[in-house]
C-alpha atoms as a PDB file:
ATOM      1  CA  MET A   1      87.877 146.192 -20.826  1.00  0.00           C
ATOM      2  CA  LYS A   2      89.300 149.663 -21.463  1.00  0.00           C
ATOM      3  CA  PRO A   3      86.761 152.485 -22.046  1.00  0.00           C
ATOM      4  CA  SER A   4      88.099 153.060 -25.573  1.00  0.00           C
ATOM      5  CA  ASN A   5      87.649 149.375 -26.423  1.00  0.00           C
ATOM      6  CA  LEU A   6      84.161 149.410 -24.891  1.00  0.00           C
ATOM      7  CA  ASN A   7      83.204 152.386 -27.014  1.00  0.00           C
ATOM      8  CA  GLN A   8      84.453 150.613 -30.126  1.00  0.00           C
ATOM      9  CA  LEU A   9      82.397 147.557 -29.183  1.00  0.00           C
ATOM     10  CA  PHE A  10      79.247 149.664 -28.791  1.00  0.00           C
ATOM     11  CA  ILE A  11      79.898 151.320 -32.169  1.00  0.00           C
ATOM     12  CA  ALA A  12      80.361 147.929 -33.822  1.00  0.00           C
ATOM     13  CA  ILE A  13      77.137 146.561 -32.295  1.00  0.00           C
ATOM     14  CA  ALA A  14      75.228 149.681 -33.380  1.00  0.00           C
ATOM     15  CA  ALA A  15      76.584 149.336 -36.911  1.00  0.00           C
ATOM     16  CA  LEU A  16      75.456 145.705 -37.054  1.00  0.00           C
ATOM     17  CA  LEU A  17      71.995 146.617 -35.786  1.00  0.00           C
ATOM     18  CA  LEU A  18      71.661 149.410 -38.344  1.00  0.00           C
ATOM     19  CA  ALA A  19      72.818 147.077 -41.088  1.00  0.00           C
ATOM     20  CA  GLY A  20      70.003 144.725 -40.129  1.00  0.00           C
ATOM     21  CA  ILE A  21      67.402 147.489 -40.059  1.00  0.00           C
ATOM     22  CA  GLN A  22      68.400 149.298 -43.263  1.00  0.00           C
ATOM     23  CA  PRO A  23      67.034 146.745 -45.786  1.00  0.00           C
ATOM     24  CA  VAL A  24      63.625 146.877 -44.059  1.00  0.00           C
ATOM     25  CA  MET A  25      63.614 150.687 -44.130  1.00  0.00           C
ATOM     26  CA  ALA A  26      64.628 150.636 -47.778  1.00  0.00           C
ATOM     27  CA  GLU A  27      61.801 148.356 -48.912  1.00  0.00           C
ATOM     28  CA  ASN A  28      59.558 149.907 -51.527  1.00  0.00           C
ATOM     29  CA  VAL A  29      55.969 149.789 -52.781  1.00  0.00           C
ATOM     30  CA  LYS A  30      55.622 148.266 -56.250  1.00  0.00           C
ATOM     31  CA  ILE A  31      52.951 149.491 -58.680  1.00  0.00           C
ATOM     32  CA  THR A  32      52.146 147.671 -61.918  1.00  0.00           C
ATOM     33  CA  PRO A  33      49.559 149.135 -64.337  1.00  0.00           C
ATOM     34  CA  LEU A  34      47.426 146.502 -66.072  1.00  0.00           C
ATOM     35  CA  GLY A  35      46.372 148.151 -69.325  1.00  0.00           C
ATOM     36  CA  SER A  36      44.996 146.793 -72.570  1.00  0.00           C
ATOM     37  CA  ASN A  37      48.269 146.976 -74.545  1.00  0.00           C
ATOM     38  CA  HIS A  38      51.816 146.072 -73.511  1.00  0.00           C
ATOM     39  CA  GLY A  39      53.963 149.105 -72.720  1.00  0.00           C
ATOM     40  CA  GLU A  40      51.284 151.689 -73.505  1.00  0.00           C
ATOM     41  CA  PHE A  41      48.867 154.009 -71.690  1.00  0.00           C
ATOM     42  CA  CYS A  42      45.565 153.512 -73.521  1.00  0.00           C
ATOM     43  CA  GLN A  43      42.109 155.048 -73.392  1.00  0.00           C
ATOM     44  CA  LEU A  44      40.368 152.688 -70.947  1.00  0.00           C
ATOM     45  CA  ASP A  45      43.344 151.837 -68.728  1.00  0.00           C
ATOM     46  CA  ARG A  46      42.367 152.079 -65.058  1.00  0.00           C
ATOM     47  CA  ALA A  47      43.610 148.887 -63.400  1.00  0.00           C
ATOM     48  CA  MET A  48      46.793 148.538 -61.390  1.00  0.00           C
ATOM     49  CA  VAL A  49      48.268 146.254 -58.754  1.00  0.00           C
ATOM     50  CA  LEU A  50      49.874 147.852 -55.708  1.00  0.00           C
ATOM     51  CA  GLU A  51      52.207 145.577 -53.748  1.00  0.00           C
ATOM     52  CA  ASP A  52      53.342 146.186 -50.177  1.00  0.00           C
ATOM     53  CA  PRO A  53      56.917 145.312 -49.144  1.00  0.00           C
ATOM     54  CA  ASP A  54      55.425 142.386 -47.165  1.00  0.00           C
ATOM     55  CA  GLY A  55      53.946 140.906 -50.357  1.00  0.00           C
ATOM     56  CA  THR A  56      50.318 142.014 -49.879  1.00  0.00           C
ATOM     57  CA  ARG A  57      48.882 142.649 -53.346  1.00  0.00           C
ATOM     58  CA  ILE A  58      45.932 144.958 -53.968  1.00  0.00           C
ATOM     59  CA  LEU A  59      44.098 145.290 -57.283  1.00  0.00           C
ATOM     60  CA  TYR A  60      42.517 148.691 -57.937  1.00  0.00           C
ATOM     61  CA  ASP A  61      39.590 149.234 -60.353  1.00  0.00           C
ATOM     62  CA  PRO A  62      40.097 146.132 -62.557  1.00  0.00           C
ATOM     63  CA  GLY A  63      37.749 147.465 -65.233  1.00  0.00           C
ATOM     64  CA  ARG A  64      37.947 146.206 -68.809  1.00  0.00           C
ATOM     65  CA  THR A  65      41.714 145.830 -69.258  1.00  0.00           C
ATOM     66  CA  VAL A  66      42.278 142.809 -67.008  1.00  0.00           C
ATOM     67  CA  ALA A  67      41.665 139.643 -69.035  1.00  0.00           C
ATOM     68  CA  GLY A  68      39.560 137.997 -66.336  1.00  0.00           C
ATOM     69  CA  PRO A  69      40.836 135.911 -63.408  1.00  0.00           C
ATOM     70  CA  ASP A  70      43.262 133.988 -65.644  1.00  0.00           C
ATOM     71  CA  ASP A  71      45.205 137.101 -66.655  1.00  0.00           C
ATOM     72  CA  SER A  72      48.790 136.046 -65.920  1.00  0.00           C
ATOM     73  CA  ARG A  73      49.678 139.551 -64.763  1.00  0.00           C
ATOM     74  CA  LEU A  74      47.461 139.274 -61.691  1.00  0.00           C
ATOM     75  CA  GLY A  75      49.295 136.657 -59.649  1.00  0.00           C
ATOM     76  CA  LYS A  76      48.204 136.529 -56.020  1.00  0.00           C
ATOM     77  CA  ILE A  77      45.566 139.118 -55.157  1.00  0.00           C
ATOM     78  CA  ASP A  78      44.703 139.723 -51.506  1.00  0.00           C
ATOM     79  CA  ALA A  79      42.164 142.512 -51.932  1.00  0.00           C
ATOM     80  CA  ILE A  80      40.325 144.407 -54.641  1.00  0.00           C
ATOM     81  CA  LEU A  81      39.344 148.080 -54.356  1.00  0.00           C
ATOM     82  CA  LEU A  82      36.605 149.706 -56.432  1.00  0.00           C
ATOM     83  CA  SER A  83      36.061 153.440 -56.613  1.00  0.00           C
ATOM     84  CA  HIS A  84      32.542 153.163 -58.051  1.00  0.00           C
ATOM     85  CA  MET A  85      30.193 150.894 -59.988  1.00  0.00           C
ATOM     86  CA  HIS A  86      30.560 152.141 -63.561  1.00  0.00           C
ATOM     87  CA  GLY A  87      31.340 149.513 -66.172  1.00  0.00           C
ATOM     88  CA  ASP A  88      34.781 150.854 -67.111  1.00  0.00           C
ATOM     89  CA  HIS A  89      35.884 150.449 -63.467  1.00  0.00           C
ATOM     90  CA  ILE A  90      34.103 147.306 -62.263  1.00  0.00           C
ATOM     91  CA  GLY A  91      34.394 145.548 -65.637  1.00  0.00           C
ATOM     92  CA  ASP A  92      31.160 144.942 -67.543  1.00  0.00           C
ATOM     93  CA  LYS A  93      33.312 143.372 -70.284  1.00  0.00           C
ATOM     94  CA  HIS A  94      37.020 142.906 -70.811  1.00  0.00           C
ATOM     95  CA  ILE A  95      39.875 142.135 -73.167  1.00  0.00           C
ATOM     96  CA  GLU A  96      40.432 138.545 -74.262  1.00  0.00           C
ATOM     97  CA  SER A  97      44.202 138.922 -73.957  1.00  0.00           C
ATOM     98  CA  VAL A  98      46.737 141.717 -73.623  1.00  0.00           C
ATOM     99  CA  GLY A  99      47.411 143.381 -76.959  1.00  0.00           C
ATOM    100  CA  ASN A 100      50.487 144.712 -78.668  1.00  0.00           C
ATOM    101  CA  GLY A 101      50.969 147.846 -80.733  1.00  0.00           C
ATOM    102  CA  ASP A 102      48.557 150.723 -81.201  1.00  0.00           C
ATOM    103  CA  CYS A 103      46.045 151.476 -78.416  1.00  0.00           C
ATOM    104  CA  LYS A 104      43.338 151.731 -81.082  1.00  0.00           C
ATOM    105  CA  THR A 105      43.507 147.962 -81.551  1.00  0.00           C
ATOM    106  CA  ALA A 106      42.125 147.331 -78.034  1.00  0.00           C
ATOM    107  CA  LYS A 107      38.880 145.317 -78.128  1.00  0.00           C
ATOM    108  CA  PHE A 108      36.678 144.171 -75.237  1.00  0.00           C
ATOM    109  CA  PRO A 109      34.775 141.155 -76.554  1.00  0.00           C
ATOM    110  CA  VAL A 110      34.336 139.157 -73.314  1.00  0.00           C
ATOM    111  CA  LYS A 111      30.958 140.004 -71.742  1.00  0.00           C
ATOM    112  CA  VAL A 112      30.800 139.279 -68.003  1.00  0.00           C
ATOM    113  CA  LEU A 113      27.471 140.689 -66.816  1.00  0.00           C
ATOM    114  CA  PRO A 114      25.769 140.279 -64.451  1.00  0.00           C
ATOM    115  CA  ASN A 115      28.786 138.900 -62.561  1.00  0.00           C
ATOM    116  CA  THR A 116      31.333 141.622 -63.512  1.00  0.00           C
ATOM    117  CA  ASN A 117      35.066 141.242 -63.975  1.00  0.00           C
ATOM    118  CA  LEU A 118      35.734 142.307 -60.394  1.00  0.00           C
ATOM    119  CA  VAL A 119      33.511 139.631 -58.851  1.00  0.00           C
ATOM    120  CA  ASN A 120      34.896 136.904 -61.121  1.00  0.00           C
ATOM    121  CA  ILE A 121      38.449 137.819 -60.096  1.00  0.00           C
ATOM    122  CA  ALA A 122      37.550 137.984 -56.387  1.00  0.00           C
ATOM    123  CA  LEU A 123      35.954 134.519 -56.559  1.00  0.00           C
ATOM    124  CA  ALA A 124      38.893 132.941 -58.356  1.00  0.00           C
ATOM    125  CA  LYS A 125      41.510 134.558 -56.106  1.00  0.00           C
ATOM    126  CA  ASP A 126      39.515 134.265 -52.853  1.00  0.00           C
ATOM    127  CA  ALA A 127      40.298 137.968 -52.465  1.00  0.00           C
ATOM    128  CA  LYS A 128      38.642 140.485 -50.166  1.00  0.00           C
ATOM    129  CA  ILE A 129      36.558 143.199 -51.837  1.00  0.00           C
ATOM    130  CA  VAL A 130      37.062 146.378 -49.792  1.00  0.00           C
ATOM    131  CA  THR A 131      34.667 149.224 -50.626  1.00  0.00           C
ATOM    132  CA  GLY A 132      32.755 152.063 -48.999  1.00  0.00           C
ATOM    133  CA  SER A 133      29.203 153.425 -49.252  1.00  0.00           C
ATOM    134  CA  GLU A 134      26.504 150.792 -49.895  1.00  0.00           C
ATOM    135  CA  MET A 135      28.674 148.764 -52.262  1.00  0.00           C
ATOM    136  CA  PRO A 136      29.656 145.968 -49.802  1.00  0.00           C
ATOM    137  CA  LYS A 137      26.067 144.674 -49.599  1.00  0.00           C
ATOM    138  CA  PHE A 138      25.899 144.381 -53.374  1.00  0.00           C
ATOM    139  CA  PHE A 139      29.147 142.419 -53.555  1.00  0.00           C
ATOM    140  CA  ALA A 140      28.268 140.195 -50.608  1.00  0.00           C
ATOM    141  CA  ALA A 141      25.062 139.183 -52.387  1.00  0.00           C
ATOM    142  CA  LYS A 142      26.961 138.524 -55.615  1.00  0.00           C
ATOM    143  CA  LEU A 143      29.543 136.356 -53.881  1.00  0.00           C
ATOM    144  CA  LYS A 144      26.885 134.362 -52.029  1.00  0.00           C
ATOM    145  CA  ALA A 145      24.849 133.759 -55.193  1.00  0.00           C
ATOM    146  CA  LEU A 146      27.948 132.456 -56.978  1.00  0.00           C
ATOM    147  CA  GLY A 147      29.031 130.122 -54.173  1.00  0.00           C
ATOM    148  CA  GLY A 148      31.642 132.415 -52.683  1.00  0.00           C
ATOM    149  CA  ASN A 149      32.064 133.769 -49.175  1.00  0.00           C
ATOM    150  CA  PRO A 150      29.924 136.903 -48.619  1.00  0.00           C
ATOM    151  CA  LYS A 151      32.191 137.862 -45.705  1.00  0.00           C
ATOM    152  CA  ASN A 152      34.911 138.583 -48.251  1.00  0.00           C
ATOM    153  CA  SER A 153      33.010 141.782 -49.099  1.00  0.00           C
ATOM    154  CA  GLN A 154      34.168 144.245 -46.463  1.00  0.00           C
ATOM    155  CA  LEU A 155      33.225 147.802 -45.615  1.00  0.00           C
ATOM    156  CA  VAL A 156      35.464 150.782 -44.904  1.00  0.00           C
ATOM    157  CA  ARG A 157      33.796 154.174 -44.519  1.00  0.00           C
ATOM    158  CA  PHE A 158      35.117 157.740 -44.471  1.00  0.00           C
ATOM    159  CA  GLY A 159      37.304 158.394 -41.429  1.00  0.00           C
ATOM    160  CA  ALA A 160      37.665 154.682 -40.659  1.00  0.00           C
ATOM    161  CA  SER A 161      40.229 152.155 -41.808  1.00  0.00           C
ATOM    162  CA  ARG A 162      40.671 148.475 -42.484  1.00  0.00           C
ATOM    163  CA  ARG A 163      43.941 146.551 -42.605  1.00  0.00           C
ATOM    164  CA  ILE A 164      44.746 143.943 -45.249  1.00  0.00           C
ATOM    165  CA  GLY A 165      48.178 142.425 -44.661  1.00  0.00           C
ATOM    166  CA  GLY A 166      50.606 145.313 -44.292  1.00  0.00           C
ATOM    167  CA  VAL A 167      48.294 147.868 -45.898  1.00  0.00           C
ATOM    168  CA  THR A 168      45.910 150.186 -44.066  1.00  0.00           C
ATOM    169  CA  ILE A 169      42.974 151.203 -46.275  1.00  0.00           C
ATOM    170  CA  THR A 170      40.633 154.154 -45.827  1.00  0.00           C
ATOM    171  CA  THR A 171      38.131 155.844 -48.126  1.00  0.00           C
ATOM    172  CA  VAL A 172      37.837 159.542 -48.901  1.00  0.00           C
ATOM    173  CA  PRO A 173      35.020 161.402 -50.703  1.00  0.00           C
ATOM    174  CA  ALA A 174      34.897 161.651 -54.479  1.00  0.00           C
ATOM    175  CA  VAL A 175      32.601 163.904 -56.501  1.00  0.00           C
ATOM    176  CA  HIS A 176      31.015 161.698 -59.155  1.00  0.00           C
ATOM    177  CA  SER A 177      28.019 159.356 -59.544  1.00  0.00           C
ATOM    178  CA  ASN A 178      27.699 155.727 -58.482  1.00  0.00           C
ATOM    179  CA  GLY A 179      24.749 154.013 -60.130  1.00  0.00           C
ATOM    180  CA  VAL A 180      24.426 150.253 -60.627  1.00  0.00           C
ATOM    181  CA  SER A 181      23.143 149.432 -64.107  1.00  0.00           C
ATOM    182  CA  GLY A 182      20.205 147.053 -64.467  1.00  0.00           C
ATOM    183  CA  SER A 183      22.444 144.681 -66.413  1.00  0.00           C
ATOM    184  CA  MET A 184      24.603 144.166 -63.324  1.00  0.00           C
ATOM    185  CA  ILE A 185      21.506 143.222 -61.326  1.00  0.00           C
ATOM    186  CA  GLY A 186      19.822 141.003 -63.900  1.00  0.00           C
ATOM    187  CA  GLY A 187      16.355 139.490 -63.756  1.00  0.00           C
ATOM    188  CA  GLU A 188      13.080 141.375 -63.830  1.00  0.00           C
ATOM    189  CA  LEU A 189      14.329 144.214 -61.614  1.00  0.00           C
ATOM    190  CA  GLY A 190      17.313 144.776 -63.870  1.00  0.00           C
ATOM    191  CA  ASP A 191      15.102 144.798 -66.957  1.00  0.00           C
ATOM    192  CA  MET A 192      12.741 147.330 -65.332  1.00  0.00           C
ATOM    193  CA  LEU A 193      15.609 149.655 -64.430  1.00  0.00           C
ATOM    194  CA  ASN A 194      17.029 149.501 -67.944  1.00  0.00           C
ATOM    195  CA  ALA A 195      13.616 150.106 -69.509  1.00  0.00           C
ATOM    196  CA  ALA A 196      13.088 153.163 -67.311  1.00  0.00           C
ATOM    197  CA  GLY A 197      16.569 154.526 -67.985  1.00  0.00           C
ATOM    198  CA  LEU A 198      17.419 154.338 -64.285  1.00  0.00           C
ATOM    199  CA  THR A 199      20.239 152.922 -62.192  1.00  0.00           C
ATOM    200  CA  ALA A 200      20.212 151.580 -58.632  1.00  0.00           C
ATOM    201  CA  TYR A 201      21.884 153.686 -55.945  1.00  0.00           C
ATOM    202  CA  ALA A 202      25.069 152.323 -54.368  1.00  0.00           C
ATOM    203  CA  GLY A 203      25.967 155.249 -52.118  1.00  0.00           C
ATOM    204  CA  PRO A 204      28.516 157.941 -52.930  1.00  0.00           C
ATOM    205  CA  PRO A 205      31.626 157.088 -54.948  1.00  0.00           C
ATOM    206  CA  THR A 206      34.966 156.981 -53.163  1.00  0.00           C
ATOM    207  CA  GLY A 207      38.649 157.585 -53.423  1.00  0.00           C
ATOM    208  CA  TYR A 208      41.163 155.687 -51.298  1.00  0.00           C
ATOM    209  CA  VAL A 209      44.201 156.412 -49.201  1.00  0.00           C
ATOM    210  CA  LEU A 210      46.494 153.422 -48.690  1.00  0.00           C
ATOM    211  CA  ILE A 211      49.221 153.480 -46.062  1.00  0.00           C
ATOM    212  CA  PHE A 212      51.851 150.841 -46.722  1.00  0.00           C
ATOM    213  CA  SER A 213      54.127 149.142 -44.230  1.00  0.00           C
ATOM    214  CA  ASN A 214      57.105 151.310 -45.283  1.00  0.00           C
ATOM    215  CA  GLY A 215      55.094 154.423 -44.319  1.00  0.00           C
ATOM    216  CA  LEU A 216      54.188 155.557 -47.846  1.00  0.00           C
ATOM    217  CA  ALA A 217      50.694 157.046 -48.159  1.00  0.00           C
ATOM    218  CA  VAL A 218      49.116 156.763 -51.632  1.00  0.00           C
ATOM    219  CA  TYR A 219      45.962 158.576 -52.753  1.00  0.00           C
ATOM    220  CA  LEU A 220      43.813 156.879 -55.407  1.00  0.00           C
ATOM    221  CA  SER A 221      41.470 159.597 -56.641  1.00  0.00           C
ATOM    222  CA  GLY A 222      38.861 157.495 -58.428  1.00  0.00           C
ATOM    223  CA  ASP A 223      36.556 159.442 -60.721  1.00  0.00           C
ATOM    224  CA  THR A 224      36.267 162.832 -59.051  1.00  0.00           C
ATOM    225  CA  GLY A 225      36.216 166.550 -59.407  1.00  0.00           C
ATOM    226  CA  VAL A 226      38.035 168.909 -57.066  1.00  0.00           C
ATOM    227  CA  THR A 227      37.201 168.254 -53.389  1.00  0.00           C
ATOM    228  CA  ALA A 228      38.106 170.042 -50.160  1.00  0.00           C
ATOM    229  CA  GLU A 229      39.223 166.691 -48.730  1.00  0.00           C
ATOM    230  CA  GLN A 230      42.123 166.584 -51.168  1.00  0.00           C
ATOM    231  CA  ASP A 231      43.636 169.302 -48.999  1.00  0.00           C
ATOM    232  CA  THR A 232      42.229 168.622 -45.529  1.00  0.00           C
ATOM    233  CA  VAL A 233      42.313 164.824 -45.496  1.00  0.00           C
ATOM    234  CA  VAL A 234      44.638 163.592 -48.250  1.00  0.00           C
ATOM    235  CA  ARG A 235      47.425 166.122 -47.621  1.00  0.00           C
ATOM    236  CA  LYS A 236      47.011 167.410 -44.072  1.00  0.00           C
ATOM    237  CA  LEU A 237      45.851 164.228 -42.345  1.00  0.00           C
ATOM    238  CA  TYR A 238      47.487 161.441 -44.353  1.00  0.00           C
ATOM    239  CA  ASN A 239      50.356 163.348 -46.016  1.00  0.00           C
ATOM    240  CA  ALA A 240      50.064 161.415 -49.277  1.00  0.00           C
ATOM    241  CA  LYS A 241      53.345 161.490 -51.187  1.00  0.00           C
ATOM    242  CA  LEU A 242      52.160 159.516 -54.231  1.00  0.00           C
ATOM    243  CA  VAL A 243      48.919 160.131 -56.127  1.00  0.00           C
ATOM    244  CA  VAL A 244      47.079 158.209 -58.843  1.00  0.00           C
ATOM    245  CA  MET A 245      45.026 161.017 -60.434  1.00  0.00           C
ATOM    246  CA  ASN A 246      42.239 160.796 -62.998  1.00  0.00           C
ATOM    247  CA  ILE A 247      42.673 163.320 -65.835  1.00  0.00           C
ATOM    248  CA  GLY A 248      40.005 162.354 -68.389  1.00  0.00           C
ATOM    249  CA  ASP A 249      37.826 165.505 -68.333  1.00  0.00           C
ATOM    250  CA  THR A 250      34.013 165.500 -68.782  1.00  0.00           C
ATOM    251  CA  TYR A 251      33.655 162.582 -66.325  1.00  0.00           C
ATOM    252  CA  THR A 252      36.502 163.578 -63.963  1.00  0.00           C
ATOM    253  CA  THR A 253      38.984 166.373 -63.481  1.00  0.00           C
ATOM    254  CA  GLY A 254      40.591 167.372 -66.768  1.00  0.00           C
ATOM    255  CA  PRO A 255      44.368 167.728 -67.074  1.00  0.00           C
ATOM    256  CA  GLU A 256      44.460 171.372 -65.981  1.00  0.00           C
ATOM    257  CA  GLU A 257      42.138 170.805 -63.010  1.00  0.00           C
ATOM    258  CA  ALA A 258      43.993 167.654 -61.999  1.00  0.00           C
ATOM    259  CA  ALA A 259      47.319 169.508 -62.128  1.00  0.00           C
ATOM    260  CA  TRP A 260      45.810 172.282 -59.972  1.00  0.00           C
ATOM    261  CA  VAL A 261      44.818 169.676 -57.384  1.00  0.00           C
ATOM    262  CA  ILE A 262      48.343 168.263 -57.427  1.00  0.00           C
ATOM    263  CA  ASN A 263      50.077 171.651 -57.299  1.00  0.00           C
ATOM    264  CA  ASN A 264      47.874 173.442 -54.776  1.00  0.00           C
ATOM    265  CA  LEU A 265      46.009 170.908 -52.651  1.00  0.00           C
ATOM    266  CA  ILE A 266      47.930 167.631 -52.271  1.00  0.00           C
ATOM    267  CA  LYS A 267      51.501 168.619 -53.213  1.00  0.00           C
ATOM    268  CA  PRO A 268      52.881 165.046 -53.480  1.00  0.00           C
ATOM    269  CA  ALA A 269      56.342 164.031 -54.576  1.00  0.00           C
ATOM    270  CA  SER A 270      55.062 161.946 -57.503  1.00  0.00           C
ATOM    271  CA  VAL A 271      51.887 161.390 -59.487  1.00  0.00           C
ATOM    272  CA  ILE A 272      50.654 158.719 -61.886  1.00  0.00           C
ATOM    273  CA  PRO A 273      47.935 159.925 -64.295  1.00  0.00           C
ATOM    274  CA  SER A 274      44.981 157.630 -64.979  1.00  0.00           C
ATOM    275  CA  HIS A 275      41.648 157.537 -66.827  1.00  0.00           C
ATOM    276  CA  ALA A 276      42.853 159.634 -69.780  1.00  0.00           C
ATOM    277  CA  ASN A 277      40.000 158.408 -72.030  1.00  0.00           C
ATOM    278  CA  GLN A 278      42.197 158.546 -75.131  1.00  0.00           C
ATOM    279  CA  PRO A 279      45.340 156.845 -76.432  1.00  0.00           C
ATOM    280  CA  SER A 280      48.096 158.660 -74.546  1.00  0.00           C
ATOM    281  CA  THR A 281      51.281 156.968 -75.729  1.00  0.00           C
ATOM    282  CA  SER A 282      52.764 155.461 -78.849  1.00  0.00           C
ATOM    283  CA  GLY A 283      55.786 153.223 -78.487  1.00  0.00           C
ATOM    284  CA  GLY A 284      55.707 154.040 -74.790  1.00  0.00           C
ATOM    285  CA  LYS A 285      56.216 157.772 -75.414  1.00  0.00           C
ATOM    286  CA  VAL A 286      53.591 160.396 -74.629  1.00  0.00           C
ATOM    287  CA  ILE A 287      51.645 161.688 -77.637  1.00  0.00           C
ATOM    288  CA  SER A 288      51.968 165.459 -78.023  1.00  0.00           C
ATOM    289  CA  GLY A 289      48.808 167.418 -77.286  1.00  0.00           C
ATOM    290  CA  THR A 290      47.047 164.631 -75.387  1.00  0.00           C
ATOM    291  CA  ARG A 291      45.584 165.098 -71.917  1.00  0.00           C
ATOM    292  CA  ALA A 292      48.541 163.174 -70.518  1.00  0.00           C
ATOM    293  CA  ASP A 293      50.916 165.581 -72.257  1.00  0.00           C
ATOM    294  CA  GLN A 294      49.000 168.602 -70.930  1.00  0.00           C
ATOM    295  CA  PHE A 295      49.009 167.167 -67.423  1.00  0.00           C
ATOM    296  CA  ILE A 296      52.748 166.446 -67.464  1.00  0.00           C
ATOM    297  CA  LYS A 297      53.477 170.026 -68.537  1.00  0.00           C
ATOM    298  CA  ALA A 298      51.171 171.544 -65.892  1.00  0.00           C
ATOM    299  CA  SER A 299      52.123 169.374 -62.902  1.00  0.00           C
ATOM    300  CA  LYS A 300      54.828 170.480 -60.491  1.00  0.00           C
ATOM    301  CA  ALA A 301      55.168 166.963 -59.111  1.00  0.00           C
ATOM    302  CA  LYS A 302      57.134 164.339 -61.004  1.00  0.00           C
ATOM    303  CA  VAL A 303      54.783 162.500 -63.389  1.00  0.00           C
ATOM    304  CA  TYR A 304      55.191 158.805 -64.222  1.00  0.00           C
ATOM    305  CA  LEU A 305      53.131 157.362 -67.061  1.00  0.00           C
ATOM    306  CA  PRO A 306      51.310 154.099 -66.230  1.00  0.00           C
ATOM    307  CA  LEU A 307      52.750 152.019 -69.061  1.00  0.00           C
ATOM    308  CA  SER A 308      51.018 148.643 -68.976  1.00  0.00           C
ATOM    309  CA  GLY A 309      53.121 145.865 -67.470  1.00  0.00           C
ATOM    310  CA  ARG A 310      55.927 148.183 -66.316  1.00  0.00           C
ATOM    311  CA  THR A 311      56.492 147.844 -62.565  1.00  0.00           C
ATOM    312  CA  MET A 312      57.587 150.974 -60.735  1.00  0.00           C
ATOM    313  CA  ALA A 313      58.930 151.004 -57.162  1.00  0.00           C
ATOM    314  CA  PHE A 314      58.413 153.935 -54.775  1.00  0.00           C
ATOM    315  CA  ASN A 315      60.121 154.596 -51.464  1.00  0.00           C
ATOM    316  CA  ASN A 316      58.403 155.921 -48.342  1.00  0.00           C
ATOM    317  CA  LYS A 317      58.832 159.511 -49.534  1.00  0.00           C
ATOM    318  CA  GLY A 318      56.992 158.839 -52.788  1.00  0.00           C
ATOM    319  CA  LYS A 319      60.109 158.920 -54.955  1.00  0.00           C
ATOM    320  CA  CYS A 320      60.330 156.425 -57.810  1.00  0.00           C
ATOM    321  CA  VAL A 321      63.503 154.400 -57.355  1.00  0.00           C
ATOM    322  CA  GLU A 322      63.088 151.610 -59.890  1.00  0.00           C
ATOM    323  CA  GLY A 323      61.315 151.124 -63.247  1.00  0.00           C
ATOM    324  CA  CYS A 324      60.841 154.889 -63.553  1.00  0.00           C
END
């Protein structure tokens, strides 16, 4: 074979190989917020499903806006992450069904203590519960008492990691509280804690960094104030390009503080606000003057509102490429 023909053959083979690789490289991470009202960002919306290109599905902070294990939006769930034990994140009660219209119509009539919404979903889906601190022991005991597998409650501590499907999960510090209410414990001990106005200690709260199989690193802040680790660990070590950032003020960073974290510490490509603690949209559009509006105006990164049920896709650089 002539050298020129051989070169052409090599070029053709290389082109075929690249054609086979490109779709894999182009695969994206899908994120679907699970709020109380279709197409809106409402006051108690925390939950979202993050899906790896390989199909691994992770539910984050199910809280009160997932309508229990039978919520049709859940589908297959491989793992559940919980930032801390407060009722609006673990789910002390929840919606009966997803609502339409104004966020103010959201009601949470289904009481699920002492089990919690998270545990009920994990049992029904046979999903792993991946948490840090002292939380895994609590969930293992819950699962065992309800006939589930206590080994499905798995620990991941700061600086370590655990892999679920194509997703590598690690925890990072959050500045908040993490008490377990007596109502989640039940029985005489639970009654005594409630009577004394105390909560049980479950270790420090956490944030998460998830590294997906396409290389995208996502930081889930949980309820937190400003931390040094947002610079040293989230940005410098893991190079997070997408952030889910709590903006609710009083209990977490407010919109100005959250934007400062985004602009000066993490510097991601994109950010999804969460935990606004007020109706933030009407008809899917941001309400002027809300915390979400303030955050959008102050953030240098591209902000995508977590409209319930709208799936967004992000590439490995943290850029939204679909459903934006």
